Amino acid sequence: MTESNLMQGPRPLLAGKAKLIIGGLILVALAEMIGRVGFKLGPGQVTLLPMLWALLMAALWGGLHRRLPGALAVSPQVQAWASAALGVGVMLFLSRMGLTVGQSLPTVIASGPALIFQELGHFLGTIVIGLPLALVLGMKREAVGATFSIGREGSLMIIGERYGLNSAEGRGVLGEYITGTVLGAIFLASFAGFLASLGVFDPRSLAMGAGVGSASLMAASLGAVMAQTDPAQHETLTALAATANMLTGIVGFYFTMLVSLPLCSWLYHRLEPVLGRLTRRGRAPQDTEAGMEAIAAPPFGWGDRLLAWGFVVLGAALANHLGYGADLLQSLAGCLLLMVPVVIAAALRQRFARFPEMIALSLMTAVVAVPGLLPAFAPLVALAAKMNFLAFTTPVLALAGFSVARDLPVFRRLGWRIVAVSLAAEAATFLGAVLVAELFH
């Protein structure tokens, strides 16, 4: 019986989900009480934020499910539920980001050319850096799947339709996906924070670089950049990152399908005969057919959506109170206001299968927040804006931590080469966008 089938049966019981929610809220509180921890790394500094503590603690808890008593263990079925809840819960984060985009629309418009052209850095950076490295390490067609993009959900769909996920390209994109899920937030936050601490790049360029097309990766990298910059710039940086992320989401799927993947495949045929001869070993593992089942999302009804939203609402309000000193009741009210467009977008997605839920949600909240456009909503926007966007990242990455624990066996089978290539591709997509944006600052 597959994990997806188990999810449709009596397990996990509501008690298992309740255990995860209550335990997750405890982890959120602990993470916020630990707070930010910084350390020197060469000429720069790395800052670890509460969201990373939440991710690590949740992953550890989930990974120990076989060694813990039943009352404490988070079963693989509940971890699978957390994986699906992550995609639903992150919509609250996007709702808050949309407000910032609307409030900072003049700044976004003024940065138009930089925002548009830095997208080229996002898409080409993975190929320019990741593909040669993969070939030098001895990877074959797996390199195409691992380096044509940063390998999020849309990339899985593209490779699955074009080659199949049991193909060499499918193994590559699967390894990239799992690496990004398990290590991506920690790695990109450390990398972005280190670059910010050097004082070489304009913070606006770094914020644009954070918009890699993944809300959780954007949150991690942007949070690290903001930890190294003047708080007066935070609203502007958040708006730029959210807009860059939205642009990547809008054009990224089609660009990677029509341009990046064909280009990466074309380059592979020309580079592999040269770079592939440098090593004769290092071919990625072939036996990963179980990988797709490990990441398949179970059916997720409205009851599950409400549980996921409830967890993120409570967790974000708690994080806003503990981490940023905001009033707890006002934080709850702000979160509930942000829920309204989330529910509308989800209902429309259920009614219309091809409805672009993420893009529509971002546009709805951005339009409402544009200064002077809809003055009747101004008091509500002001209340919702009391929520610091980083407060949402702590509960969201706690869900990510629970969800990645079940992927670790597949992750280990894919080998160290896919990890090195995947992290290099993430660094390249971030740095590529930053370098292009720097031309305009």
Protein backbone atom coordinates (compact mmCIF):
# COMPACT_ATOMS: atom_id res chain seq x y z
CA MET A 1 0.00 0.00 0.00
CA THR A 2 1.42 3.36 -0.96
CA GLU A 3 1.80 6.28 1.39
CA SER A 4 -0.83 8.17 -0.63
CA ASN A 5 -3.32 5.34 -0.07
CA LEU A 6 -2.57 5.32 3.63
CA MET A 7 -3.43 8.98 3.75
CA GLN A 8 -6.92 8.19 2.42
CA GLY A 9 -7.58 5.54 5.08
CA PRO A 10 -8.10 5.97 8.82
CA ARG A 11 -4.50 7.10 9.33
CA PRO A 12 -3.28 9.56 10.24
CA LEU A 13 -6.05 10.15 12.75
CA LEU A 14 -7.05 13.63 13.70
CA ALA A 15 -5.08 13.04 16.90
CA GLY A 16 -1.89 12.65 14.85
CA LYS A 17 -2.50 15.94 13.06
CA ALA A 18 -3.35 17.62 16.36
CA LYS A 19 -0.07 16.30 17.81
CA LEU A 20 1.85 17.83 14.92
CA ILE A 21 0.05 21.17 15.24
CA ILE A 22 0.53 21.45 19.00
CA GLY A 23 4.12 20.22 18.79
CA GLY A 24 4.79 22.55 15.88
CA LEU A 25 3.55 25.55 17.86
CA ILE A 26 5.87 24.59 20.71
CA LEU A 27 8.77 24.44 18.25
CA VAL A 28 7.81 27.86 16.86
CA ALA A 29 7.90 29.32 20.37
CA LEU A 30 11.25 27.67 21.13
CA ALA A 31 12.73 28.88 17.85
CA GLU A 32 11.66 32.47 18.49
CA MET A 33 13.04 32.33 22.03
CA ILE A 34 16.40 31.12 20.69
CA GLY A 35 16.27 34.05 18.27
CA ARG A 36 18.99 35.07 15.86
CA VAL A 37 22.46 33.59 16.17
CA GLY A 38 25.34 35.05 14.15
CA PHE A 39 28.93 33.97 13.63
CA LYS A 40 31.89 35.16 11.61
CA LEU A 41 32.83 33.37 8.41
CA GLY A 42 35.98 34.82 6.87
CA PRO A 43 35.39 38.48 6.02
CA GLY A 44 31.62 38.11 6.37
CA GLN A 45 29.02 36.93 8.84
CA VAL A 46 26.32 34.26 8.76
CA THR A 47 23.10 34.86 10.70
CA LEU A 48 20.85 31.93 11.59
CA LEU A 49 17.23 32.99 12.04
CA PRO A 50 14.41 31.42 14.10
CA MET A 51 12.87 29.86 11.00
CA LEU A 52 15.99 27.71 10.57
CA TRP A 53 15.81 26.49 14.17
CA ALA A 54 12.17 25.55 13.58
CA LEU A 55 13.09 23.63 10.42
CA LEU A 56 15.95 21.75 12.08
CA MET A 57 14.01 20.85 15.23
CA ALA A 58 11.00 19.65 13.22
CA ALA A 59 13.20 17.59 10.88
CA LEU A 60 14.96 15.99 13.86
CA TRP A 61 11.66 15.19 15.55
CA GLY A 62 10.22 13.67 12.39
CA GLY A 63 13.39 11.74 11.62
CA LEU A 64 13.35 10.05 15.04
CA HIS A 65 9.82 8.67 14.69
CA ARG A 66 11.02 5.04 14.89
CA ARG A 67 12.91 5.66 18.14
CA LEU A 68 10.31 7.70 20.00
CA PRO A 69 7.34 6.36 21.98
CA GLY A 70 4.11 6.27 19.99
CA ALA A 71 2.70 9.21 21.92
CA LEU A 72 5.60 11.41 20.80
CA ALA A 73 6.40 10.01 17.36
CA VAL A 74 5.31 11.87 14.22
CA SER A 75 4.47 9.03 11.84
CA PRO A 76 5.40 9.06 8.13
CA GLN A 77 1.70 9.48 7.32
CA VAL A 78 1.51 12.65 9.42
CA GLN A 79 4.77 13.83 7.86
CA ALA A 80 3.14 13.34 4.45
CA TRP A 81 0.24 15.46 5.65
CA ALA A 82 2.73 18.16 6.71
CA SER A 83 4.18 18.13 3.20
CA ALA A 84 0.77 18.89 1.71
CA ALA A 85 0.03 21.42 4.47
CA LEU A 86 3.23 23.27 3.60
CA GLY A 87 1.95 24.17 0.13
CA VAL A 88 -1.32 25.40 1.61
CA GLY A 89 0.13 27.23 4.60
CA VAL A 90 2.67 29.18 2.57
CA MET A 91 -0.23 31.04 0.93
CA LEU A 92 -0.61 33.14 4.08
CA PHE A 93 2.99 34.21 3.70
CA LEU A 94 2.32 35.17 0.07
CA SER A 95 -0.75 37.14 1.15
CA ARG A 96 1.39 39.23 3.49
CA MET A 97 4.03 39.70 0.81
CA GLY A 98 1.39 40.98 -1.60
CA LEU A 99 0.51 43.77 0.83
CA THR A 100 4.12 44.90 0.87
CA VAL A 101 4.25 44.93 -2.93
CA GLY A 102 1.16 47.13 -3.10
CA GLN A 103 2.34 49.51 -0.40
CA SER A 104 5.72 49.91 -2.11
CA LEU A 105 4.44 50.07 -5.69
CA PRO A 106 6.27 53.34 -6.55
CA THR A 107 9.58 51.78 -5.52
CA VAL A 108 8.81 48.64 -7.50
CA ILE A 109 7.99 50.67 -10.62
CA ALA A 110 11.18 52.70 -10.25
CA SER A 111 13.16 49.46 -10.12
CA GLY A 112 11.43 48.07 -13.21
CA PRO A 113 14.43 47.44 -15.52
CA ALA A 114 16.46 45.80 -12.76
CA LEU A 115 13.55 43.54 -11.81
CA ILE A 116 12.97 42.45 -15.40
CA PHE A 117 16.55 41.77 -16.42
CA GLN A 118 17.62 40.09 -13.18
CA GLU A 119 15.25 37.27 -14.11
CA LEU A 120 17.78 36.26 -16.77
CA GLY A 121 20.31 35.72 -13.99
CA HIS A 122 17.89 33.43 -12.16
CA PHE A 123 17.33 31.18 -15.13
CA LEU A 124 20.79 31.13 -16.69
CA GLY A 125 22.86 30.99 -13.49
CA THR A 126 21.87 27.38 -12.79
CA ILE A 127 23.00 26.25 -16.25
CA VAL A 128 26.22 28.27 -16.44
CA ILE A 129 27.52 27.05 -13.06
CA GLY A 130 25.60 23.86 -12.33
CA LEU A 131 25.89 22.01 -15.64
CA PRO A 132 29.70 22.15 -16.01
CA LEU A 133 30.13 21.13 -12.36
CA ALA A 134 27.77 18.19 -12.80
CA LEU A 135 29.68 16.97 -15.84
CA VAL A 136 33.06 17.34 -14.14
CA LEU A 137 31.72 15.23 -11.26
CA GLY A 138 30.78 12.48 -13.70
CA MET A 139 27.00 12.93 -13.93
CA LYS A 140 25.40 12.14 -17.29
CA ARG A 141 21.82 12.97 -18.35
CA GLU A 142 20.96 13.44 -14.67
CA ALA A 143 22.81 16.74 -15.03
CA VAL A 144 20.11 18.11 -17.35
CA GLY A 145 17.32 17.51 -14.84
CA ALA A 146 19.40 18.85 -11.97
CA THR A 147 20.60 22.08 -13.58
CA PHE A 148 17.98 23.42 -16.00
CA SER A 149 16.30 25.13 -13.01
CA ILE A 150 16.40 25.06 -9.21
CA GLY A 151 14.05 22.08 -9.29
CA ARG A 152 10.85 23.01 -7.54
CA GLU A 153 7.35 21.62 -8.18
CA GLY A 154 6.97 23.12 -11.66
CA SER A 155 10.29 21.61 -12.72
CA LEU A 156 9.13 18.16 -11.62
CA MET A 157 6.05 18.57 -13.82
CA ILE A 158 8.10 19.67 -16.84
CA ILE A 159 10.61 16.80 -16.59
CA GLY A 160 7.88 14.30 -15.74
CA GLU A 161 5.94 15.21 -18.88
CA ARG A 162 8.99 15.45 -21.16
CA TYR A 163 11.14 12.52 -19.98
CA GLY A 164 9.33 10.76 -17.12
CA LEU A 165 10.48 10.86 -13.51
CA ASN A 166 12.11 7.42 -13.72
CA SER A 167 14.44 8.66 -16.46
CA ALA A 168 17.96 9.95 -15.86
CA GLU A 169 16.62 13.50 -16.18
CA GLY A 170 13.89 12.60 -13.70
CA ARG A 171 16.45 11.36 -11.18
CA GLY A 172 18.33 14.62 -11.58
CA VAL A 173 15.35 16.89 -10.96
CA LEU A 174 14.21 14.65 -8.10
CA GLY A 175 17.61 14.96 -6.44
CA GLU A 176 17.54 18.72 -6.92
CA TYR A 177 14.06 18.88 -5.43
CA ILE A 178 14.94 16.83 -2.36
CA THR A 179 18.22 18.68 -1.83
CA GLY A 180 16.41 22.01 -2.00
CA THR A 181 13.74 20.77 0.39
CA VAL A 182 16.15 19.31 2.94
CA LEU A 183 19.04 21.78 2.74
CA GLY A 184 17.92 24.63 0.49
CA ALA A 185 16.62 27.07 3.08
CA ILE A 186 19.62 26.63 5.38
CA PHE A 187 22.15 26.86 2.56
CA LEU A 188 20.61 29.82 0.74
CA ALA A 189 20.06 31.76 3.96
CA SER A 190 23.71 31.27 4.91
CA PHE A 191 24.92 32.15 1.40
CA ALA A 192 22.72 35.25 1.10
CA GLY A 193 23.59 36.47 4.58
CA PHE A 194 27.29 36.02 3.88
CA LEU A 195 27.10 38.04 0.66
CA ALA A 196 25.11 40.76 2.42
CA SER A 197 27.68 40.99 5.21
CA LEU A 198 30.48 41.69 2.71
CA GLY A 199 28.97 45.08 1.88
CA VAL A 200 29.84 44.62 -1.81
CA PHE A 201 26.33 44.35 -3.26
CA ASP A 202 23.42 46.78 -3.13
CA PRO A 203 20.78 45.39 -0.71
CA ARG A 204 18.14 45.91 -3.42
CA SER A 205 20.05 43.58 -5.74
CA LEU A 206 20.30 40.98 -2.99
CA ALA A 207 16.56 41.25 -2.34
CA MET A 208 15.82 40.69 -6.03
CA GLY A 209 18.15 37.71 -6.03
CA ALA A 210 16.07 36.19 -3.23
CA GLY A 211 13.08 35.91 -5.58
CA VAL A 212 14.06 32.47 -6.88
CA GLY A 213 10.48 31.30 -7.42
CA SER A 214 10.13 29.40 -4.14
CA ALA A 215 8.38 31.13 -1.25
CA SER A 216 10.28 29.22 1.43
CA LEU A 217 13.69 29.78 -0.21
CA MET A 218 12.86 33.44 -0.77
CA ALA A 219 11.85 33.83 2.86
CA ALA A 220 15.05 32.21 4.08
CA SER A 221 17.41 34.21 1.86
CA LEU A 222 15.57 37.53 2.23
CA GLY A 223 15.46 37.14 6.00
CA ALA A 224 19.22 36.65 6.05
CA VAL A 225 19.74 39.75 3.87
CA MET A 226 17.47 41.86 6.07
CA ALA A 227 19.37 40.73 9.15
CA GLN A 228 22.43 42.49 7.69
CA THR A 229 20.71 45.71 6.53
CA ASP A 230 19.15 48.86 7.96
CA PRO A 231 15.59 48.20 9.24
CA ALA A 232 14.46 51.33 7.40
CA GLN A 233 15.07 49.45 4.14
CA HIS A 234 13.14 46.34 5.07
CA GLU A 235 9.81 47.30 3.49
CA THR A 236 11.52 48.19 0.21
CA LEU A 237 13.59 45.01 0.21
CA THR A 238 10.55 42.88 0.96
CA ALA A 239 8.59 44.47 -1.89
CA LEU A 240 11.42 43.92 -4.36
CA ALA A 241 11.91 40.30 -3.32
CA ALA A 242 8.19 39.55 -3.46
CA THR A 243 7.86 41.13 -6.90
CA ALA A 244 10.91 39.27 -8.22
CA ASN A 245 9.50 36.04 -6.80
CA MET A 246 6.13 36.72 -8.42
CA LEU A 247 7.78 37.44 -11.79
CA THR A 248 9.73 34.21 -11.51
CA GLY A 249 6.51 32.38 -10.74
CA ILE A 250 4.65 33.99 -13.65
CA VAL A 251 7.24 33.57 -16.41
CA GLY A 252 9.44 30.90 -14.85
CA PHE A 253 7.37 27.83 -15.73
CA TYR A 254 7.14 28.74 -19.40
CA PHE A 255 10.70 30.04 -19.64
CA THR A 256 12.17 26.88 -18.13
CA MET A 257 9.98 24.69 -20.34
CA LEU A 258 10.58 26.54 -23.63
CA VAL A 259 14.08 27.99 -23.16
CA SER A 260 16.06 26.66 -20.18
CA LEU A 261 15.43 22.93 -20.69
CA PRO A 262 16.18 22.90 -24.46
CA LEU A 263 19.24 25.10 -23.88
CA CYS A 264 20.52 22.86 -21.09
CA SER A 265 20.03 19.73 -23.20
CA TRP A 266 21.80 21.36 -26.17
CA LEU A 267 24.74 22.41 -24.00
CA TYR A 268 24.94 18.92 -22.48
CA HIS A 269 25.56 17.32 -25.87
CA ARG A 270 28.39 19.76 -26.57
CA LEU A 271 30.03 19.89 -23.15
CA GLU A 272 29.75 16.26 -22.03
CA PRO A 273 32.27 14.87 -24.56
CA VAL A 274 34.83 17.33 -23.15
CA LEU A 275 34.05 17.70 -19.44
CA GLY A 276 32.67 14.17 -19.07
CA ARG A 277 36.07 12.70 -19.89
CA LEU A 278 37.68 14.39 -16.89
CA THR A 279 36.16 11.71 -14.64
CA ARG A 280 34.87 8.24 -15.45
CA ARG A 281 33.07 7.72 -12.18
CA GLY A 282 30.40 9.57 -10.33
CA ARG A 283 27.31 8.53 -12.28
CA ALA A 284 24.25 9.30 -10.17
CA PRO A 285 22.46 6.29 -8.60
CA GLN A 286 19.93 4.69 -10.92
CA ASP A 287 17.60 2.98 -8.48
CA THR A 288 15.36 5.84 -7.36
CA GLU A 289 11.98 4.72 -8.66
CA ALA A 290 10.58 5.11 -5.17
CA GLY A 291 11.48 8.76 -5.13
CA MET A 292 8.35 10.08 -6.77
CA GLU A 293 6.11 8.21 -4.35
CA ALA A 294 8.07 9.73 -1.46
CA ILE A 295 7.18 13.26 -2.52
CA ALA A 296 3.66 12.71 -3.87
CA ALA A 297 1.15 14.97 -2.11
CA PRO A 298 -1.88 13.19 -0.59
CA PRO A 299 -5.46 14.34 -1.25
CA PHE A 300 -6.10 17.47 0.75
CA GLY A 301 -9.67 18.53 1.55
CA TRP A 302 -11.06 21.72 3.02
CA GLY A 303 -10.84 20.31 6.53
CA ASP A 304 -7.12 19.77 6.05
CA ARG A 305 -6.76 23.25 4.58
CA LEU A 306 -8.40 24.77 7.65
CA LEU A 307 -6.04 22.84 9.93
CA ALA A 308 -3.01 23.99 7.93
CA TRP A 309 -4.16 27.61 7.85
CA GLY A 310 -4.99 27.47 11.55
CA PHE A 311 -1.49 26.25 12.37
CA VAL A 312 0.17 29.01 10.33
CA VAL A 313 -2.15 31.69 11.75
CA LEU A 314 -1.45 30.68 15.35
CA GLY A 315 2.25 30.11 14.70
CA ALA A 316 2.74 33.43 12.90
CA ALA A 317 0.85 35.37 15.58
CA LEU A 318 2.96 33.68 18.26
CA ALA A 319 6.18 34.42 16.36
CA ASN A 320 5.13 38.04 15.80
CA HIS A 321 4.52 38.40 19.53
CA LEU A 322 7.64 36.60 20.80
CA GLY A 323 10.07 37.63 18.08
CA TYR A 324 8.95 41.16 17.26
CA GLY A 325 7.13 42.34 20.38
CA ALA A 326 3.74 42.81 18.70
CA ASP A 327 0.46 42.51 20.57
CA LEU A 328 -0.79 38.92 20.37
CA LEU A 329 -4.47 39.75 19.76
CA GLN A 330 -3.62 42.32 17.09
CA SER A 331 -1.37 39.76 15.46
CA LEU A 332 -4.19 37.21 15.40
CA ALA A 333 -6.54 39.79 13.90
CA GLY A 334 -3.98 40.67 11.24
CA CYS A 335 -3.51 37.00 10.33
CA LEU A 336 -7.26 36.45 10.04
CA LEU A 337 -7.55 39.42 7.68
CA LEU A 338 -4.79 37.97 5.54
CA MET A 339 -6.76 34.72 5.44
CA VAL A 340 -9.63 36.30 3.48
CA PRO A 341 -7.88 36.56 0.08
CA VAL A 342 -6.25 33.17 0.71
CA VAL A 343 -9.65 31.49 1.08
CA ILE A 344 -11.03 33.32 -1.98
CA ALA A 345 -8.07 32.22 -4.12
CA ALA A 346 -8.36 28.62 -2.88
CA ALA A 347 -12.10 28.53 -3.63
CA LEU A 348 -11.52 29.84 -7.16
CA ARG A 349 -8.78 27.25 -7.69
CA GLN A 350 -11.16 24.49 -6.67
CA ARG A 351 -13.83 25.82 -9.04
CA PHE A 352 -11.48 26.39 -11.97
CA ALA A 353 -8.72 23.78 -12.25
CA ARG A 354 -6.34 26.03 -14.21
CA PHE A 355 -6.84 29.07 -11.97
CA PRO A 356 -3.38 30.53 -11.07
CA GLU A 357 -3.90 30.57 -7.31
CA MET A 358 -0.51 31.92 -6.23
CA ILE A 359 -0.40 34.70 -8.83
CA ALA A 360 -4.02 35.73 -8.23
CA LEU A 361 -3.48 35.85 -4.47
CA SER A 362 -0.41 38.05 -4.84
CA LEU A 363 -2.23 40.41 -7.21
CA MET A 364 -5.35 40.65 -5.01
CA THR A 365 -3.46 41.65 -1.90
CA ALA A 366 -1.16 43.98 -3.84
CA VAL A 367 -4.06 45.88 -5.44
CA VAL A 368 -5.85 46.33 -2.11
CA ALA A 369 -2.69 47.80 -0.54
CA VAL A 370 -1.80 50.33 -3.27
CA PRO A 371 -1.83 53.75 -1.50
CA GLY A 372 -4.93 55.78 -2.38
CA LEU A 373 -6.43 53.22 -4.77
CA LEU A 374 -9.01 51.68 -2.41
CA PRO A 375 -9.08 53.97 0.65
CA ALA A 376 -11.92 52.04 2.31
CA PHE A 377 -9.52 49.14 2.87
CA ALA A 378 -6.75 51.29 4.35
CA PRO A 379 -7.55 50.55 8.05
CA LEU A 380 -7.67 46.81 7.36
CA VAL A 381 -4.41 46.94 5.42
CA ALA A 382 -2.77 48.84 8.28
CA LEU A 383 -3.85 46.17 10.78
CA ALA A 384 -2.69 43.28 8.59
CA ALA A 385 0.61 45.07 7.94
CA LYS A 386 1.42 44.87 11.66
CA MET A 387 2.40 41.28 10.93
CA ASN A 388 6.13 41.07 10.23
CA PHE A 389 6.52 38.88 7.16
CA LEU A 390 9.34 36.91 8.84
CA ALA A 391 6.85 35.81 11.50
CA PHE A 392 5.18 33.61 8.88
CA THR A 393 8.41 31.90 7.94
CA THR A 394 8.86 30.19 11.32
CA PRO A 395 5.66 28.06 11.24
CA VAL A 396 5.98 27.51 7.48
CA LEU A 397 9.51 26.13 7.80
CA ALA A 398 8.44 24.03 10.78
CA LEU A 399 6.03 22.30 8.40
CA ALA A 400 8.89 21.98 5.92
CA GLY A 401 11.00 20.31 8.60
CA PHE A 402 8.33 17.72 9.37
CA SER A 403 7.80 17.06 5.67
CA VAL A 404 11.46 16.56 4.71
CA ALA A 405 12.06 13.88 7.35
CA ARG A 406 10.30 11.26 5.22
CA ASP A 407 12.39 12.13 2.14
CA LEU A 408 15.74 11.45 3.81
CA PRO A 409 16.06 7.76 2.69
CA VAL A 410 15.57 8.76 -0.96
CA PHE A 411 17.89 11.71 -0.44
CA ARG A 412 20.68 9.42 0.82
CA ARG A 413 20.35 7.08 -2.18
CA LEU A 414 20.88 9.93 -4.64
CA GLY A 415 24.49 10.44 -3.56
CA TRP A 416 26.73 13.36 -2.68
CA ARG A 417 27.26 14.57 -6.26
CA ILE A 418 23.63 15.60 -6.68
CA VAL A 419 23.87 17.50 -3.39
CA ALA A 420 26.93 19.45 -4.53
CA VAL A 421 25.41 20.23 -7.92
CA SER A 422 22.04 21.23 -6.45
CA LEU A 423 23.54 23.62 -3.92
CA ALA A 424 25.80 25.09 -6.61
CA ALA A 425 22.74 25.65 -8.80
CA GLU A 426 20.92 27.41 -5.95
CA ALA A 427 23.89 29.66 -5.29
CA ALA A 428 24.21 30.36 -9.01
CA THR A 429 20.57 31.35 -9.50
CA PHE A 430 20.82 33.73 -6.55
CA LEU A 431 24.18 35.20 -7.49
CA GLY A 432 23.32 35.41 -11.19
CA ALA A 433 20.27 37.55 -10.48
CA VAL A 434 22.22 39.73 -8.04
CA LEU A 435 24.98 40.40 -10.57
CA VAL A 436 22.50 41.37 -13.29
CA ALA A 437 20.55 43.62 -10.90
CA GLU A 438 23.81 45.30 -9.86
CA LEU A 439 24.12 46.70 -13.40
CA PHE A 440 21.13 48.93 -12.62
CA HIS A 441 22.14 50.07 -9.12
